[in-house]
PDB file of all heavy atoms in Angstrom:
ATOM      1  N   LYS A   1       0.842  -1.199  -0.012  1.00  0.00           N
ATOM      2  CA  LYS A   1      -0.004  -0.003  -0.003  1.00  0.00           C
ATOM      3  C   LYS A   1       0.875   1.245  -0.002  1.00  0.00           C
ATOM      4  O   LYS A   1       1.906   1.283   0.660  1.00  0.00           O
ATOM      5  CB  LYS A   1      -0.909   0.030   1.230  1.00  0.00           C
ATOM      6  CG  LYS A   1      -2.024  -0.965   1.169  1.00  0.00           C
ATOM      7  CD  LYS A   1      -2.934  -0.802   2.373  1.00  0.00           C
ATOM      8  CE  LYS A   1      -4.087  -1.775   2.292  1.00  0.00           C
ATOM      9  NZ  LYS A   1      -4.994  -1.657   3.420  1.00  0.00           N
ATOM     10  N   GLU A   2       0.447   2.234  -0.742  1.00  0.00           N
ATOM     11  CA  GLU A   2       1.107   3.544  -0.729  1.00  0.00           C
ATOM     12  C   GLU A   2       0.484   4.317   0.422  1.00  0.00           C
ATOM     13  O   GLU A   2      -0.695   4.614   0.401  1.00  0.00           O
ATOM     14  CB  GLU A   2       0.885   4.255  -2.061  1.00  0.00           C
ATOM     15  CG  GLU A   2       1.250   5.713  -2.080  1.00  0.00           C
ATOM     16  CD  GLU A   2       2.707   5.980  -1.765  1.00  0.00           C
ATOM     17  OE1 GLU A   2       3.570   5.609  -2.543  1.00  0.00           O
ATOM     18  OE2 GLU A   2       2.946   6.554  -0.687  1.00  0.00           O
ATOM     19  N   GLU A   3       1.250   4.609   1.431  1.00  0.00           N
ATOM     20  CA  GLU A   3       0.715   5.214   2.640  1.00  0.00           C
ATOM     21  C   GLU A   3       0.411   6.710   2.460  1.00  0.00           C
ATOM     22  O   GLU A   3      -0.462   7.242   3.133  1.00  0.00           O
ATOM     23  CB  GLU A   3       1.704   5.035   3.802  1.00  0.00           C
ATOM     24  CG  GLU A   3       1.951   3.568   4.160  1.00  0.00           C
ATOM     25  CD  GLU A   3       0.702   2.832   4.622  1.00  0.00           C
ATOM     26  OE1 GLU A   3      -0.161   3.439   5.279  1.00  0.00           O
ATOM     27  OE2 GLU A   3       0.598   1.622   4.308  1.00  0.00           O
ATOM     28  N   LYS A   4       1.098   7.399   1.566  1.00  0.00           N
ATOM     29  CA  LYS A   4       0.921   8.845   1.436  1.00  0.00           C
ATOM     30  C   LYS A   4      -0.225   9.228   0.493  1.00  0.00           C
ATOM     31  O   LYS A   4      -0.749  10.332   0.579  1.00  0.00           O
ATOM     32  CB  LYS A   4       2.198   9.487   0.930  1.00  0.00           C
ATOM     33  CG  LYS A   4       3.340   9.367   1.930  1.00  0.00           C
ATOM     34  CD  LYS A   4       4.612   9.992   1.409  1.00  0.00           C
ATOM     35  CE  LYS A   4       5.726   9.801   2.408  1.00  0.00           C
ATOM     36  NZ  LYS A   4       7.004  10.294   1.909  1.00  0.00           N
ATOM     37  N   ILE A   5      -0.625   8.322  -0.412  1.00  0.00           N
ATOM     38  CA  ILE A   5      -1.693   8.626  -1.352  1.00  0.00           C
ATOM     39  C   ILE A   5      -2.789   7.572  -1.174  1.00  0.00           C
ATOM     40  O   ILE A   5      -2.607   6.403  -1.498  1.00  0.00           O
ATOM     41  CB  ILE A   5      -1.177   8.605  -2.809  1.00  0.00           C
ATOM     42  CG1 ILE A   5      -0.006   9.578  -2.973  1.00  0.00           C
ATOM     43  CG2 ILE A   5      -2.297   8.926  -3.768  1.00  0.00           C
ATOM     44  CD1 ILE A   5       0.714   9.464  -4.272  1.00  0.00           C
ATOM     45  N   LYS A   6      -3.902   7.997  -0.659  1.00  0.00           N
ATOM     46  CA  LYS A   6      -5.008   7.089  -0.330  1.00  0.00           C
ATOM     47  C   LYS A   6      -5.467   6.292  -1.569  1.00  0.00           C
ATOM     48  O   LYS A   6      -5.654   6.848  -2.630  1.00  0.00           O
ATOM     49  CB  LYS A   6      -6.175   7.893   0.232  1.00  0.00           C
ATOM     50  CG  LYS A   6      -7.318   7.029   0.703  1.00  0.00           C
ATOM     51  CD  LYS A   6      -8.426   7.855   1.319  1.00  0.00           C
ATOM     52  CE  LYS A   6      -9.551   6.974   1.786  1.00  0.00           C
ATOM     53  NZ  LYS A   6     -10.635   7.732   2.401  1.00  0.00           N
ATOM     54  N   GLY A   7      -5.631   4.984  -1.374  1.00  0.00           N
ATOM     55  CA  GLY A   7      -6.147   4.123  -2.429  1.00  0.00           C
ATOM     56  C   GLY A   7      -5.144   3.703  -3.479  1.00  0.00           C
ATOM     57  O   GLY A   7      -5.507   3.088  -4.463  1.00  0.00           O
ATOM     58  N   ARG A   8      -3.873   4.008  -3.307  1.00  0.00           N
ATOM     59  CA  ARG A   8      -2.843   3.671  -4.286  1.00  0.00           C
ATOM     60  C   ARG A   8      -1.934   2.577  -3.767  1.00  0.00           C
ATOM     61  O   ARG A   8      -1.845   2.342  -2.565  1.00  0.00           O
ATOM     62  CB  ARG A   8      -2.002   4.899  -4.651  1.00  0.00           C
ATOM     63  CG  ARG A   8      -2.787   6.063  -5.173  1.00  0.00           C
ATOM     64  CD  ARG A   8      -3.490   5.793  -6.444  1.00  0.00           C
ATOM     65  NE  ARG A   8      -2.516   5.636  -7.519  1.00  0.00           N
ATOM     66  CZ  ARG A   8      -2.801   5.318  -8.746  1.00  0.00           C
ATOM     67  NH1 ARG A   8      -4.044   5.126  -9.109  1.00  0.00           N
ATOM     68  NH2 ARG A   8      -1.876   5.191  -9.667  1.00  0.00           N
ATOM     69  N   ILE A   9      -1.253   1.889  -4.682  1.00  0.00           N
ATOM     70  CA  ILE A   9      -0.283   0.862  -4.320  1.00  0.00           C
ATOM     71  C   ILE A   9       1.050   1.140  -4.996  1.00  0.00           C
ATOM     72  O   ILE A   9       1.135   1.931  -5.934  1.00  0.00           O
ATOM     73  CB  ILE A   9      -0.759  -0.553  -4.715  1.00  0.00           C
ATOM     74  CG1 ILE A   9      -0.914  -0.645  -6.245  1.00  0.00           C
ATOM     75  CG2 ILE A   9      -2.036  -0.935  -3.991  1.00  0.00           C
ATOM     76  CD1 ILE A   9      -1.066  -2.047  -6.756  1.00  0.00           C
ATOM     77  N   ARG A  10       2.069   0.487  -4.510  1.00  0.00           N
ATOM     78  CA  ARG A  10       3.382   0.457  -5.166  1.00  0.00           C
ATOM     79  C   ARG A  10       3.608  -0.997  -5.554  1.00  0.00           C
ATOM     80  O   ARG A  10       3.223  -1.912  -4.805  1.00  0.00           O
ATOM     81  CB  ARG A  10       4.483   0.894  -4.221  1.00  0.00           C
ATOM     82  CG  ARG A  10       4.413   2.343  -3.868  1.00  0.00           C
ATOM     83  CD  ARG A  10       5.627   2.715  -3.053  1.00  0.00           C
ATOM     84  NE  ARG A  10       5.215   2.725  -1.643  1.00  0.00           N
ATOM     85  CZ  ARG A  10       5.917   3.300  -0.708  1.00  0.00           C
ATOM     86  NH1 ARG A  10       7.084   3.840  -0.960  1.00  0.00           N
ATOM     87  NH2 ARG A  10       5.495   3.318   0.538  1.00  0.00           N
ATOM     88  N   SER A  11       4.262  -1.228  -6.670  1.00  0.00           N
ATOM     89  CA  SER A  11       4.491  -2.613  -7.091  1.00  0.00           C
ATOM     90  C   SER A  11       5.827  -2.780  -7.799  1.00  0.00           C
ATOM     91  O   SER A  11       6.378  -1.830  -8.353  1.00  0.00           O
ATOM     92  CB  SER A  11       3.361  -3.098  -7.991  1.00  0.00           C
ATOM     93  OG  SER A  11       3.357  -2.384  -9.195  1.00  0.00           O
ATOM     94  N   ILE A  12       6.293  -4.003  -7.741  1.00  0.00           N
ATOM     95  CA  ILE A  12       7.498  -4.414  -8.447  1.00  0.00           C
ATOM     96  C   ILE A  12       7.134  -5.687  -9.217  1.00  0.00           C
ATOM     97  O   ILE A  12       6.491  -6.593  -8.671  1.00  0.00           O
ATOM     98  CB  ILE A  12       8.655  -4.745  -7.475  1.00  0.00           C
ATOM     99  CG1 ILE A  12       9.027  -3.526  -6.651  1.00  0.00           C
ATOM    100  CG2 ILE A  12       9.859  -5.288  -8.245  1.00  0.00           C
ATOM    101  CD1 ILE A  12       9.997  -3.864  -5.523  1.00  0.00           C
ATOM    102  N   ARG A  13       7.581  -5.756 -10.464  1.00  0.00           N
ATOM    103  CA  ARG A  13       7.432  -6.987 -11.241  1.00  0.00           C
ATOM    104  C   ARG A  13       8.814  -7.353 -11.768  1.00  0.00           C
ATOM    105  O   ARG A  13       9.491  -6.502 -12.348  1.00  0.00           O
ATOM    106  CB  ARG A  13       6.455  -6.804 -12.392  1.00  0.00           C
ATOM    107  CG  ARG A  13       6.224  -8.080 -13.157  1.00  0.00           C
ATOM    108  CD  ARG A  13       5.173  -7.934 -14.204  1.00  0.00           C
ATOM    109  NE  ARG A  13       5.708  -7.130 -15.303  1.00  0.00           N
ATOM    110  CZ  ARG A  13       5.125  -7.055 -16.469  1.00  0.00           C
ATOM    111  NH1 ARG A  13       3.988  -7.656 -16.696  1.00  0.00           N
ATOM    112  NH2 ARG A  13       5.667  -6.334 -17.431  1.00  0.00           N
ATOM    113  N   VAL A  14       9.227  -8.599 -11.537  1.00  0.00           N
ATOM    114  CA  VAL A  14      10.556  -9.043 -11.960  1.00  0.00           C
ATOM    115  C   VAL A  14      10.368 -10.299 -12.820  1.00  0.00           C
ATOM    116  O   VAL A  14       9.662 -11.214 -12.454  1.00  0.00           O
ATOM    117  CB  VAL A  14      11.440  -9.367 -10.739  1.00  0.00           C
ATOM    118  CG1 VAL A  14      12.824  -9.818 -11.188  1.00  0.00           C
ATOM    119  CG2 VAL A  14      11.551  -8.183  -9.798  1.00  0.00           C
ATOM    120  N   ILE A  15      11.081 -10.311 -13.948  1.00  0.00           N
ATOM    121  CA  ILE A  15      11.050 -11.451 -14.850  1.00  0.00           C
ATOM    122  C   ILE A  15      12.458 -12.043 -14.923  1.00  0.00           C
ATOM    123  O   ILE A  15      13.405 -11.333 -15.192  1.00  0.00           O
ATOM    124  CB  ILE A  15      10.587 -11.021 -16.261  1.00  0.00           C
ATOM    125  CG1 ILE A  15       9.218 -10.352 -16.201  1.00  0.00           C
ATOM    126  CG2 ILE A  15      10.573 -12.236 -17.207  1.00  0.00           C
ATOM    127  CD1 ILE A  15       8.827  -9.653 -17.470  1.00  0.00           C
ATOM    128  N   VAL A  16      12.566 -13.332 -14.643  1.00  0.00           N
ATOM    129  CA  VAL A  16      13.847 -14.027 -14.686  1.00  0.00           C
ATOM    130  C   VAL A  16      13.690 -15.322 -15.466  1.00  0.00           C
ATOM    131  O   VAL A  16      12.602 -15.855 -15.598  1.00  0.00           O
ATOM    132  CB  VAL A  16      14.419 -14.335 -13.273  1.00  0.00           C
ATOM    133  CG1 VAL A  16      14.685 -13.055 -12.509  1.00  0.00           C
ATOM    134  CG2 VAL A  16      13.496 -15.238 -12.502  1.00  0.00           C
ATOM    135  N   SER A  17      14.806 -15.831 -15.978  1.00  0.00           N
ATOM    136  CA  SER A  17      14.820 -17.146 -16.632  1.00  0.00           C
ATOM    137  C   SER A  17      15.660 -18.089 -15.796  1.00  0.00           C
ATOM    138  O   SER A  17      16.704 -17.718 -15.273  1.00  0.00           O
ATOM    139  CB  SER A  17      15.420 -17.026 -18.019  1.00  0.00           C
ATOM    140  OG  SER A  17      14.568 -16.301 -18.874  1.00  0.00           O
ATOM    141  N   VAL A  18      15.170 -19.322 -15.679  1.00  0.00           N
ATOM    142  CA  VAL A  18      15.899 -20.372 -14.986  1.00  0.00           C
ATOM    143  C   VAL A  18      15.998 -21.589 -15.933  1.00  0.00           C
ATOM    144  O   VAL A  18      15.104 -21.824 -16.722  1.00  0.00           O
ATOM    145  CB  VAL A  18      15.241 -20.763 -13.653  1.00  0.00           C
ATOM    146  CG1 VAL A  18      15.318 -19.625 -12.658  1.00  0.00           C
ATOM    147  CG2 VAL A  18      13.791 -21.198 -13.827  1.00  0.00           C
ATOM    148  N   SER A  19      17.096 -22.319 -15.847  1.00  0.00           N
ATOM    149  CA  SER A  19      17.313 -23.456 -16.741  1.00  0.00           C
ATOM    150  C   SER A  19      16.314 -24.581 -16.470  1.00  0.00           C
ATOM    151  O   SER A  19      15.994 -24.873 -15.320  1.00  0.00           O
ATOM    152  CB  SER A  19      18.730 -23.987 -16.571  1.00  0.00           C
ATOM    153  OG  SER A  19      19.652 -23.012 -16.978  1.00  0.00           O
ATOM    154  N   GLY A  20      15.873 -25.188 -17.568  1.00  0.00           N
ATOM    155  CA  GLY A  20      15.044 -26.390 -17.468  1.00  0.00           C
ATOM    156  C   GLY A  20      13.641 -26.180 -16.938  1.00  0.00           C
ATOM    157  O   GLY A  20      12.997 -25.193 -17.228  1.00  0.00           O
ATOM    158  N   HIS A  21      13.157 -27.174 -16.185  1.00  0.00           N
ATOM    159  CA  HIS A  21      11.837 -27.162 -15.541  1.00  0.00           C
ATOM    160  C   HIS A  21      10.678 -27.228 -16.535  1.00  0.00           C
ATOM    161  O   HIS A  21       9.626 -26.635 -16.339  1.00  0.00           O
ATOM    162  CB  HIS A  21      11.663 -25.936 -14.634  1.00  0.00           C
ATOM    163  CG  HIS A  21      12.666 -25.849 -13.536  1.00  0.00           C
ATOM    164  ND1 HIS A  21      12.662 -26.700 -12.464  1.00  0.00           N
ATOM    165  CD2 HIS A  21      13.746 -25.052 -13.371  1.00  0.00           C
ATOM    166  CE1 HIS A  21      13.651 -26.392 -11.656  1.00  0.00           C
ATOM    167  NE2 HIS A  21      14.349 -25.398 -12.181  1.00  0.00           N
ATOM    168  N   LYS A  22      10.845 -27.995 -17.617  1.00  0.00           N
ATOM    169  CA  LYS A  22       9.807 -28.075 -18.643  1.00  0.00           C
ATOM    170  C   LYS A  22       8.422 -28.376 -18.068  1.00  0.00           C
ATOM    171  O   LYS A  22       7.468 -27.692 -18.384  1.00  0.00           O
ATOM    172  CB  LYS A  22      10.190 -29.146 -19.675  1.00  0.00           C
ATOM    173  CG  LYS A  22       9.176 -29.311 -20.779  1.00  0.00           C
ATOM    174  CD  LYS A  22       9.609 -30.335 -21.785  1.00  0.00           C
ATOM    175  CE  LYS A  22       8.578 -30.438 -22.900  1.00  0.00           C
ATOM    176  NZ  LYS A  22       8.964 -31.423 -23.897  1.00  0.00           N
ATOM    177  N   ASP A  23       8.323 -29.391 -17.249  1.00  0.00           N
ATOM    178  CA  ASP A  23       7.025 -29.788 -16.684  1.00  0.00           C
ATOM    179  C   ASP A  23       6.985 -29.640 -15.167  1.00  0.00           C
ATOM    180  O   ASP A  23       6.220 -30.310 -14.504  1.00  0.00           O
ATOM    181  CB  ASP A  23       6.704 -31.239 -17.070  1.00  0.00           C
ATOM    182  CG  ASP A  23       6.568 -31.424 -18.579  1.00  0.00           C
ATOM    183  OD1 ASP A  23       5.921 -30.569 -19.198  1.00  0.00           O
ATOM    184  OD2 ASP A  23       7.125 -32.414 -19.103  1.00  0.00           O
ATOM    185  N   ASP A  24       7.799 -28.747 -14.650  1.00  0.00           N
ATOM    186  CA  ASP A  24       7.931 -28.607 -13.201  1.00  0.00           C
ATOM    187  C   ASP A  24       7.763 -27.138 -12.791  1.00  0.00           C
ATOM    188  O   ASP A  24       8.722 -26.436 -12.496  1.00  0.00           O
ATOM    189  CB  ASP A  24       9.307 -29.133 -12.751  1.00  0.00           C
ATOM    190  CG  ASP A  24       9.524 -29.054 -11.256  1.00  0.00           C
ATOM    191  OD1 ASP A  24       8.530 -28.919 -10.500  1.00  0.00           O
ATOM    192  OD2 ASP A  24      10.683 -29.122 -10.833  1.00  0.00           O
ATOM    193  N   ARG A  25       6.520 -26.682 -12.823  1.00  0.00           N
ATOM    194  CA  ARG A  25       6.239 -25.267 -12.481  1.00  0.00           C
ATOM    195  C   ARG A  25       6.656 -24.947 -11.056  1.00  0.00           C
ATOM    196  O   ARG A  25       7.202 -23.878 -10.784  1.00  0.00           O
ATOM    197  CB  ARG A  25       4.746 -24.973 -12.693  1.00  0.00           C
ATOM    198  CG  ARG A  25       4.419 -23.543 -12.464  1.00  0.00           C
ATOM    199  CD  ARG A  25       2.992 -23.236 -12.825  1.00  0.00           C
ATOM    200  NE  ARG A  25       2.807 -21.795 -12.709  1.00  0.00           N
ATOM    201  CZ  ARG A  25       1.674 -21.241 -12.361  1.00  0.00           C
ATOM    202  NH1 ARG A  25       0.619 -21.962 -12.116  1.00  0.00           N
ATOM    203  NH2 ARG A  25       1.577 -19.951 -12.276  1.00  0.00           N
ATOM    204  N   ARG A  26       6.430 -25.861 -10.140  1.00  0.00           N
ATOM    205  CA  ARG A  26       6.788 -25.626  -8.743  1.00  0.00           C
ATOM    206  C   ARG A  26       8.297 -25.480  -8.586  1.00  0.00           C
ATOM    207  O   ARG A  26       8.791 -24.582  -7.910  1.00  0.00           O
ATOM    208  CB  ARG A  26       6.283 -26.767  -7.865  1.00  0.00           C
ATOM    209  CG  ARG A  26       6.534 -26.529  -6.369  1.00  0.00           C
ATOM    210  CD  ARG A  26       6.008 -27.660  -5.512  1.00  0.00           C
ATOM    211  NE  ARG A  26       4.587 -27.902  -5.682  1.00  0.00           N
ATOM    212  CZ  ARG A  26       3.625 -27.264  -5.024  1.00  0.00           C
ATOM    213  NH1 ARG A  26       3.912 -26.346  -4.151  1.00  0.00           N
ATOM    214  NH2 ARG A  26       2.351 -27.565  -5.233  1.00  0.00           N
ATOM    215  N   GLY A  27       9.065 -26.339  -9.247  1.00  0.00           N
ATOM    216  CA  GLY A  27      10.519 -26.237  -9.180  1.00  0.00           C
ATOM    217  C   GLY A  27      11.027 -24.952  -9.816  1.00  0.00           C
ATOM    218  O   GLY A  27      11.946 -24.304  -9.304  1.00  0.00           O
TER     219      GLY A  27
END
């Protein structure tokens, strides 16, 4: 939550690649 502006949020989105895991979403 953004504390200084009512009703707003702050967010981060990160995209990474990891080797393998073709059928292993959990891994």
